[in-house]
PDB file of N, CA and C in Angstrom:
ATOM      1  N   UNK A   1      10.515 -12.645   1.574  1.00  0.00           N
ATOM      2  CA  UNK A   1       9.611 -12.810   0.455  1.00  0.00           C
ATOM      3  C   UNK A   1      10.265 -12.357  -0.850  1.00  0.00           C
ATOM      4  N   UNK A   2      10.893 -11.199  -0.813  1.00  0.00           N
ATOM      5  CA  UNK A   2      11.513 -10.663  -2.021  1.00  0.00           C
ATOM      6  C   UNK A   2      12.631 -11.574  -2.499  1.00  0.00           C
ATOM      7  N   UNK A   3      13.457 -12.055  -1.577  1.00  0.00           N
ATOM      8  CA  UNK A   3      14.565 -12.943  -1.938  1.00  0.00           C
ATOM      9  C   UNK A   3      14.054 -14.235  -2.575  1.00  0.00           C
ATOM     10  N   UNK A   4      12.834 -14.614  -2.240  1.00  0.00           N
ATOM     11  CA  UNK A   4      12.231 -15.824  -2.807  1.00  0.00           C
ATOM     12  C   UNK A   4      11.616 -15.579  -4.175  1.00  0.00           C
ATOM     13  N   UNK A   5      11.651 -14.325  -4.617  1.00  0.00           N
ATOM     14  CA  UNK A   5      11.101 -13.995  -5.926  1.00  0.00           C
ATOM     15  C   UNK A   5       9.612 -13.723  -5.935  1.00  0.00           C
ATOM     16  N   UNK A   6       9.037 -13.491  -4.773  1.00  0.00           N
ATOM     17  CA  UNK A   6       7.607 -13.211  -4.695  1.00  0.00           C
ATOM     18  C   UNK A   6       7.338 -11.794  -5.196  1.00  0.00           C
ATOM     19  N   UNK A   7       6.329 -11.659  -6.047  1.00  0.00           N
ATOM     20  CA  UNK A   7       5.920 -10.365  -6.573  1.00  0.00           C
ATOM     21  C   UNK A   7       4.993  -9.704  -5.556  1.00  0.00           C
ATOM     22  N   UNK A   8       5.455  -8.646  -4.922  1.00  0.00           N
ATOM     23  CA  UNK A   8       4.670  -7.984  -3.884  1.00  0.00           C
ATOM     24  C   UNK A   8       3.537  -7.136  -4.442  1.00  0.00           C
ATOM     25  N   UNK A   9       3.440  -7.031  -5.760  1.00  0.00           N
ATOM     26  CA  UNK A   9       2.307  -6.352  -6.383  1.00  0.00           C
ATOM     27  C   UNK A   9       1.227  -7.344  -6.810  1.00  0.00           C
ATOM     28  N   UNK A  10       1.492  -8.636  -6.616  1.00  0.00           N
ATOM     29  CA  UNK A  10       0.534  -9.675  -7.001  1.00  0.00           C
ATOM     30  C   UNK A  10      -0.688  -9.612  -6.086  1.00  0.00           C
ATOM     31  N   UNK A  11      -1.857  -9.628  -6.694  1.00  0.00           N
ATOM     32  CA  UNK A  11      -3.104  -9.571  -5.929  1.00  0.00           C
ATOM     33  C   UNK A  11      -3.721 -10.960  -5.798  1.00  0.00           C
ATOM     34  N   UNK A  12      -4.545 -11.126  -4.765  1.00  0.00           N
ATOM     35  CA  UNK A  12      -5.280 -12.377  -4.594  1.00  0.00           C
ATOM     36  C   UNK A  12      -6.578 -12.321  -5.410  1.00  0.00           C
ATOM     37  N   UNK A  13      -7.467 -13.284  -5.211  1.00  0.00           N
ATOM     38  CA  UNK A  13      -8.708 -13.363  -5.987  1.00  0.00           C
ATOM     39  C   UNK A  13      -9.638 -12.180  -5.758  1.00  0.00           C
ATOM     40  N   UNK A  14      -9.452 -11.447  -4.661  1.00  0.00           N
ATOM     41  CA  UNK A  14     -10.247 -10.253  -4.391  1.00  0.00           C
ATOM     42  C   UNK A  14      -9.525  -8.976  -4.813  1.00  0.00           C
ATOM     43  N   UNK A  15      -8.370  -9.138  -5.441  1.00  0.00           N
ATOM     44  CA  UNK A  15      -7.612  -7.973  -5.878  1.00  0.00           C
ATOM     45  C   UNK A  15      -6.813  -7.321  -4.767  1.00  0.00           C
ATOM     46  N   UNK A  16      -6.709  -8.009  -3.646  1.00  0.00           N
ATOM     47  CA  UNK A  16      -5.977  -7.453  -2.502  1.00  0.00           C
ATOM     48  C   UNK A  16      -4.505  -7.859  -2.577  1.00  0.00           C
ATOM     49  N   UNK A  17      -3.661  -6.880  -2.352  1.00  0.00           N
ATOM     50  CA  UNK A  17      -2.214  -7.072  -2.411  1.00  0.00           C
ATOM     51  C   UNK A  17      -1.649  -7.151  -0.995  1.00  0.00           C
ATOM     52  N   UNK A  18      -0.382  -7.501  -0.860  1.00  0.00           N
ATOM     53  CA  UNK A  18       0.233  -7.461   0.468  1.00  0.00           C
ATOM     54  C   UNK A  18       0.110  -6.073   1.122  1.00  0.00           C
ATOM     55  N   UNK A  19       0.106  -5.022   0.310  1.00  0.00           N
ATOM     56  CA  UNK A  19      -0.056  -3.668   0.867  1.00  0.00           C
ATOM     57  C   UNK A  19      -1.440  -3.498   1.491  1.00  0.00           C
ATOM     58  N   UNK A  20      -2.468  -4.060   0.874  1.00  0.00           N
ATOM     59  CA  UNK A  20      -3.813  -3.998   1.455  1.00  0.00           C
ATOM     60  C   UNK A  20      -3.836  -4.687   2.824  1.00  0.00           C
ATOM     61  N   UNK A  21      -3.246  -5.857   2.881  1.00  0.00           N
ATOM     62  CA  UNK A  21      -3.249  -6.627   4.131  1.00  0.00           C
ATOM     63  C   UNK A  21      -2.459  -5.894   5.211  1.00  0.00           C
ATOM     64  N   UNK A  22      -1.280  -5.401   4.857  1.00  0.00           N
ATOM     65  CA  UNK A  22      -0.456  -4.673   5.828  1.00  0.00           C
ATOM     66  C   UNK A  22      -1.192  -3.439   6.342  1.00  0.00           C
ATOM     67  N   UNK A  23      -1.833  -2.701   5.449  1.00  0.00           N
ATOM     68  CA  UNK A  23      -2.554  -1.491   5.853  1.00  0.00           C
ATOM     69  C   UNK A  23      -3.735  -1.825   6.755  1.00  0.00           C
ATOM     70  N   UNK A  24      -4.456  -2.879   6.429  1.00  0.00           N
ATOM     71  CA  UNK A  24      -5.627  -3.240   7.236  1.00  0.00           C
ATOM     72  C   UNK A  24      -5.234  -3.691   8.637  1.00  0.00           C
ATOM     73  N   UNK A  25      -3.994  -4.156   8.788  1.00  0.00           N
ATOM     74  CA  UNK A  25      -3.495  -4.595  10.092  1.00  0.00           C
ATOM     75  C   UNK A  25      -2.645  -3.529  10.785  1.00  0.00           C
ATOM     76  N   UNK A  26      -2.471  -2.374  10.136  1.00  0.00           N
ATOM     77  CA  UNK A  26      -1.677  -1.297  10.735  1.00  0.00           C
ATOM     78  C   UNK A  26      -0.187  -1.587  10.768  1.00  0.00           C
ATOM     79  N   UNK A  27       0.291  -2.371   9.827  1.00  0.00           N
ATOM     80  CA  UNK A  27       1.703  -2.765   9.781  1.00  0.00           C
ATOM     81  C   UNK A  27       2.534  -1.692   9.067  1.00  0.00           C
ATOM     82  N   UNK A  28       2.768  -0.586   9.763  1.00  0.00           N
ATOM     83  CA  UNK A  28       3.452   0.567   9.195  1.00  0.00           C
ATOM     84  C   UNK A  28       4.855   0.237   8.706  1.00  0.00           C
ATOM     85  N   UNK A  29       5.631  -0.486   9.494  1.00  0.00           N
ATOM     86  CA  UNK A  29       7.007  -0.811   9.093  1.00  0.00           C
ATOM     87  C   UNK A  29       7.029  -1.639   7.811  1.00  0.00           C
ATOM     88  N   UNK A  30       6.076  -2.515   7.672  1.00  0.00           N
ATOM     89  CA  UNK A  30       5.962  -3.336   6.467  1.00  0.00           C
ATOM     90  C   UNK A  30       5.702  -2.437   5.258  1.00  0.00           C
ATOM     91  N   UNK A  31       4.796  -1.490   5.400  1.00  0.00           N
ATOM     92  CA  UNK A  31       4.480  -0.578   4.302  1.00  0.00           C
ATOM     93  C   UNK A  31       5.662   0.325   3.965  1.00  0.00           C
ATOM     94  N   UNK A  32       6.405   0.734   4.971  1.00  0.00           N
ATOM     95  CA  UNK A  32       7.605   1.543   4.715  1.00  0.00           C
ATOM     96  C   UNK A  32       8.609   0.729   3.902  1.00  0.00           C
ATOM     97  N   UNK A  33       8.756  -0.527   4.252  1.00  0.00           N
ATOM     98  CA  UNK A  33       9.656  -1.412   3.507  1.00  0.00           C
ATOM     99  C   UNK A  33       9.162  -1.583   2.073  1.00  0.00           C
ATOM    100  N   UNK A  34       7.866  -1.819   1.909  1.00  0.00           N
ATOM    101  CA  UNK A  34       7.297  -1.953   0.570  1.00  0.00           C
ATOM    102  C   UNK A  34       7.572  -0.703  -0.255  1.00  0.00           C
ATOM    103  N   UNK A  35       7.478   0.448   0.375  1.00  0.00           N
ATOM    104  CA  UNK A  35       7.707   1.715  -0.315  1.00  0.00           C
ATOM    105  C   UNK A  35       9.124   1.804  -0.869  1.00  0.00           C
ATOM    106  N   UNK A  36      10.099   1.300  -0.120  1.00  0.00           N
ATOM    107  CA  UNK A  36      11.490   1.344  -0.595  1.00  0.00           C
ATOM    108  C   UNK A  36      11.691   0.432  -1.800  1.00  0.00           C
ATOM    109  N   UNK A  37      10.820  -0.560  -1.942  1.00  0.00           N
ATOM    110  CA  UNK A  37      10.898  -1.499  -3.065  1.00  0.00           C
ATOM    111  C   UNK A  37      10.045  -1.050  -4.249  1.00  0.00           C
ATOM    112  N   UNK A  38       9.436   0.123  -4.108  1.00  0.00           N
ATOM    113  CA  UNK A  38       8.559   0.669  -5.163  1.00  0.00           C
ATOM    114  C   UNK A  38       7.334  -0.213  -5.410  1.00  0.00           C
ATOM    115  N   UNK A  39       6.867  -0.869  -4.349  1.00  0.00           N
ATOM    116  CA  UNK A  39       5.637  -1.650  -4.429  1.00  0.00           C
ATOM    117  C   UNK A  39       4.471  -0.669  -4.538  1.00  0.00           C
ATOM    118  N   UNK A  40       3.473  -1.002  -5.327  1.00  0.00           N
ATOM    119  CA  UNK A  40       2.300  -0.142  -5.463  1.00  0.00           C
ATOM    120  C   UNK A  40       1.557  -0.075  -4.133  1.00  0.00           C
ATOM    121  N   UNK A  41       1.391   1.141  -3.636  1.00  0.00           N
ATOM    122  CA  UNK A  41       0.665   1.333  -2.384  1.00  0.00           C
ATOM    123  C   UNK A  41      -0.712   1.941  -2.630  1.00  0.00           C
ATOM    124  N   UNK A  42      -1.103   2.030  -3.896  1.00  0.00           N
ATOM    125  CA  UNK A  42      -2.414   2.604  -4.206  1.00  0.00           C
ATOM    126  C   UNK A  42      -3.258   1.708  -5.117  1.00  0.00           C
ATOM    127  N   UNK A  43      -2.947   0.424  -5.138  1.00  0.00           N
ATOM    128  CA  UNK A  43      -3.725  -0.523  -5.944  1.00  0.00           C
ATOM    129  C   UNK A  43      -5.148  -0.613  -5.398  1.00  0.00           C
ATOM    130  N   UNK A  44      -6.102  -0.834  -6.292  1.00  0.00           N
ATOM    131  CA  UNK A  44      -7.497  -0.985  -5.876  1.00  0.00           C
ATOM    132  C   UNK A  44      -7.889  -2.456  -5.905  1.00  0.00           C
ATOM    133  N   UNK A  45      -8.625  -2.871  -4.877  1.00  0.00           N
ATOM    134  CA  UNK A  45      -9.123  -4.243  -4.841  1.00  0.00           C
ATOM    135  C   UNK A  45     -10.452  -4.320  -5.604  1.00  0.00           C
ATOM    136  N   UNK A  46     -11.109  -5.453  -5.577  1.00  0.00           N
ATOM    137  CA  UNK A  46     -12.330  -5.626  -6.376  1.00  0.00           C
ATOM    138  C   UNK A  46     -13.484  -4.741  -5.922  1.00  0.00           C
ATOM    139  N   UNK A  47     -13.384  -4.174  -4.729  1.00  0.00           N
ATOM    140  CA  UNK A  47     -14.405  -3.262  -4.226  1.00  0.00           C
ATOM    141  C   UNK A  47     -14.013  -1.799  -4.433  1.00  0.00           C
ATOM    142  N   UNK A  48     -12.839  -1.597  -5.055  1.00  0.00           N
ATOM    143  CA  UNK A  48     -12.368  -0.235  -5.302  1.00  0.00           C
ATOM    144  C   UNK A  48     -11.618   0.388  -4.146  1.00  0.00           C
ATOM    145  N   UNK A  49     -11.268  -0.418  -3.147  1.00  0.00           N
ATOM    146  CA  UNK A  49     -10.555   0.100  -1.980  1.00  0.00           C
ATOM    147  C   UNK A  49      -9.043   0.019  -2.164  1.00  0.00           C
ATOM    148  N   UNK A  50      -8.361   1.027  -1.670  1.00  0.00           N
ATOM    149  CA  UNK A  50      -6.903   1.067  -1.681  1.00  0.00           C
ATOM    150  C   UNK A  50      -6.387   0.717  -0.285  1.00  0.00           C
ATOM    151  N   UNK A  51      -5.090   0.505  -0.141  1.00  0.00           N
ATOM    152  CA  UNK A  51      -4.538   0.306   1.198  1.00  0.00           C
ATOM    153  C   UNK A  51      -4.856   1.479   2.136  1.00  0.00           C
ATOM    154  N   UNK A  52      -4.883   2.692   1.595  1.00  0.00           N
ATOM    155  CA  UNK A  52      -5.243   3.853   2.417  1.00  0.00           C
ATOM    156  C   UNK A  52      -6.658   3.701   2.968  1.00  0.00           C
ATOM    157  N   UNK A  53      -7.581   3.256   2.144  1.00  0.00           N
ATOM    158  CA  UNK A  53      -8.954   3.015   2.607  1.00  0.00           C
ATOM    159  C   UNK A  53      -8.975   1.979   3.727  1.00  0.00           C
ATOM    160  N   UNK A  54      -8.163   0.934   3.576  1.00  0.00           N
ATOM    161  CA  UNK A  54      -8.102  -0.117   4.598  1.00  0.00           C
ATOM    162  C   UNK A  54      -7.535   0.407   5.912  1.00  0.00           C
ATOM    163  N   UNK A  55      -6.521   1.263   5.826  1.00  0.00           N
ATOM    164  CA  UNK A  55      -5.940   1.849   7.039  1.00  0.00           C
ATOM    165  C   UNK A  55      -6.971   2.725   7.750  1.00  0.00           C
ATOM    166  N   UNK A  56      -7.729   3.503   6.981  1.00  0.00           N
ATOM    167  CA  UNK A  56      -8.780   4.352   7.565  1.00  0.00           C
ATOM    168  C   UNK A  56      -9.828   3.493   8.261  1.00  0.00           C
ATOM    169  N   UNK A  57     -10.293   2.460   7.566  1.00  0.00           N
ATOM    170  CA  UNK A  57     -11.327   1.584   8.120  1.00  0.00           C
ATOM    171  C   UNK A  57     -10.857   0.897   9.403  1.00  0.00           C
ATOM    172  N   UNK A  58      -9.566   0.551   9.448  1.00  0.00           N
ATOM    173  CA  UNK A  58      -9.012  -0.106  10.630  1.00  0.00           C
ATOM    174  C   UNK A  58      -8.593   0.846  11.734  1.00  0.00           C
ATOM    175  N   UNK A  59      -8.800   2.150  11.499  1.00  0.00           N
ATOM    176  CA  UNK A  59      -8.448   3.192  12.476  1.00  0.00           C
ATOM    177  C   UNK A  59      -6.958   3.183  12.821  1.00  0.00           C
ATOM    178  N   UNK A  60      -6.139   2.958  11.808  1.00  0.00           N
ATOM    179  CA  UNK A  60      -4.681   2.959  11.978  1.00  0.00           C
ATOM    180  C   UNK A  60      -4.153   4.314  11.503  1.00  0.00           C
ATOM    181  N   UNK A  61      -4.216   5.306  12.390  1.00  0.00           N
ATOM    182  CA  UNK A  61      -3.935   6.691  11.994  1.00  0.00           C
ATOM    183  C   UNK A  61      -2.511   6.911  11.493  1.00  0.00           C
ATOM    184  N   UNK A  62      -1.526   6.299  12.109  1.00  0.00           N
ATOM    185  CA  UNK A  62      -0.139   6.478  11.652  1.00  0.00           C
ATOM    186  C   UNK A  62       0.059   5.848  10.273  1.00  0.00           C
ATOM    187  N   UNK A  63      -0.551   4.711  10.064  1.00  0.00           N
ATOM    188  CA  UNK A  63      -0.483   4.043   8.763  1.00  0.00           C
ATOM    189  C   UNK A  63      -1.208   4.880   7.718  1.00  0.00           C
ATOM    190  N   UNK A  64      -2.357   5.397   8.079  1.00  0.00           N
ATOM    191  CA  UNK A  64      -3.131   6.255   7.180  1.00  0.00           C
ATOM    192  C   UNK A  64      -2.321   7.490   6.785  1.00  0.00           C
ATOM    193  N   UNK A  65      -1.702   8.128   7.757  1.00  0.00           N
ATOM    194  CA  UNK A  65      -0.893   9.320   7.501  1.00  0.00           C
ATOM    195  C   UNK A  65       0.264   9.000   6.549  1.00  0.00           C
ATOM    196  N   UNK A  66       0.955   7.895   6.801  1.00  0.00           N
ATOM    197  CA  UNK A  66       2.070   7.499   5.942  1.00  0.00           C
ATOM    198  C   UNK A  66       1.598   7.258   4.508  1.00  0.00           C
ATOM    199  N   UNK A  67       0.518   6.516   4.343  1.00  0.00           N
ATOM    200  CA  UNK A  67       0.023   6.208   3.001  1.00  0.00           C
ATOM    201  C   UNK A  67      -0.433   7.467   2.274  1.00  0.00           C
ATOM    202  N   UNK A  68      -1.059   8.373   2.993  1.00  0.00           N
ATOM    203  CA  UNK A  68      -1.491   9.633   2.381  1.00  0.00           C
ATOM    204  C   UNK A  68      -0.282  10.428   1.893  1.00  0.00           C
ATOM    205  N   UNK A  69       0.730  10.567   2.743  1.00  0.00           N
ATOM    206  CA  UNK A  69       1.943  11.300   2.357  1.00  0.00           C
ATOM    207  C   UNK A  69       2.637  10.626   1.177  1.00  0.00           C
ATOM    208  N   UNK A  70       2.668   9.310   1.191  1.00  0.00           N
ATOM    209  CA  UNK A  70       3.305   8.567   0.104  1.00  0.00           C
ATOM    210  C   UNK A  70       2.571   8.796  -1.211  1.00  0.00           C
ATOM    211  N   UNK A  71       1.242   8.798  -1.170  1.00  0.00           N
ATOM    212  CA  UNK A  71       0.459   9.038  -2.386  1.00  0.00           C
ATOM    213  C   UNK A  71       0.717  10.435  -2.931  1.00  0.00           C
ATOM    214  N   UNK A  72       0.741  11.429  -2.059  1.00  0.00           N
ATOM    215  CA  UNK A  72       0.984  12.807  -2.482  1.00  0.00           C
ATOM    216  C   UNK A  72       2.363  12.925  -3.111  1.00  0.00           C
ATOM    217  N   UNK A  73       3.364  12.334  -2.470  1.00  0.00           N
ATOM    218  CA  UNK A  73       4.735  12.394  -2.981  1.00  0.00           C
ATOM    219  C   UNK A  73       4.849  11.711  -4.337  1.00  0.00           C
ATOM    220  N   UNK A  74       4.267  10.530  -4.469  1.00  0.00           N
ATOM    221  CA  UNK A  74       4.348   9.796  -5.742  1.00  0.00           C
ATOM    222  C   UNK A  74       3.579  10.511  -6.847  1.00  0.00           C
ATOM    223  N   UNK A  75       2.453  11.136  -6.503  1.00  0.00           N
ATOM    224  CA  UNK A  75       1.684  11.881  -7.496  1.00  0.00           C
ATOM    225  C   UNK A  75       2.483  13.079  -7.994  1.00  0.00           C
ATOM    226  N   UNK A  76       3.105  13.803  -7.082  1.00  0.00           N
ATOM    227  CA  UNK A  76       3.932  14.950  -7.471  1.00  0.00           C
ATOM    228  C   UNK A  76       5.080  14.500  -8.357  1.00  0.00           C
ATOM    229  N   UNK A  77       5.693  13.379  -8.011  1.00  0.00           N
ATOM    230  CA  UNK A  77       6.810  12.854  -8.790  1.00  0.00           C
ATOM    231  C   UNK A  77       6.369  12.499 -10.211  1.00  0.00           C
ATOM    232  N   UNK A  78       5.195  11.871 -10.340  1.00  0.00           N
ATOM    233  CA  UNK A  78       4.678  11.508 -11.665  1.00  0.00           C
ATOM    234  C   UNK A  78       4.395  12.751 -12.503  1.00  0.00           C
ATOM    235  N   UNK A  79       3.863  13.797 -11.870  1.00  0.00           N
ATOM    236  CA  UNK A  79       3.523  15.017 -12.590  1.00  0.00           C
ATOM    237  C   UNK A  79       4.761  15.752 -13.076  1.00  0.00           C
ATOM    238  N   UNK A  80       5.857  15.615 -12.355  1.00  0.00           N
ATOM    239  CA  UNK A  80       7.090  16.299 -12.720  1.00  0.00           C
ATOM    240  C   UNK A  80       7.807  15.602 -13.865  1.00  0.00           C
ATOM    241  N   UNK A  81       7.501  14.338 -14.098  1.00  0.00           N
ATOM    242  CA  UNK A  81       8.193  13.589 -15.161  1.00  0.00           C
ATOM    243  C   UNK A  81       7.324  13.455 -16.323  1.00  0.00           C
TER     244      UNK A  81
END
């Protein structure tokens, strides 16, 4: 997808990004890859849900844990700069 020039932060008509879809399906490896590309993992869809919310709703505990840790790390990084 990236090699094709697809913007992985692009949302659909409901505001859902590839990260939302990956999280809702428990696709942890996909989210880890997105993280290395600096894709937004905390975007909100039209209902105000983030990928973390989708992982929780789908009962994907490993995905939820990863997204939570990623949010904490990125927040700390933003505060330091």
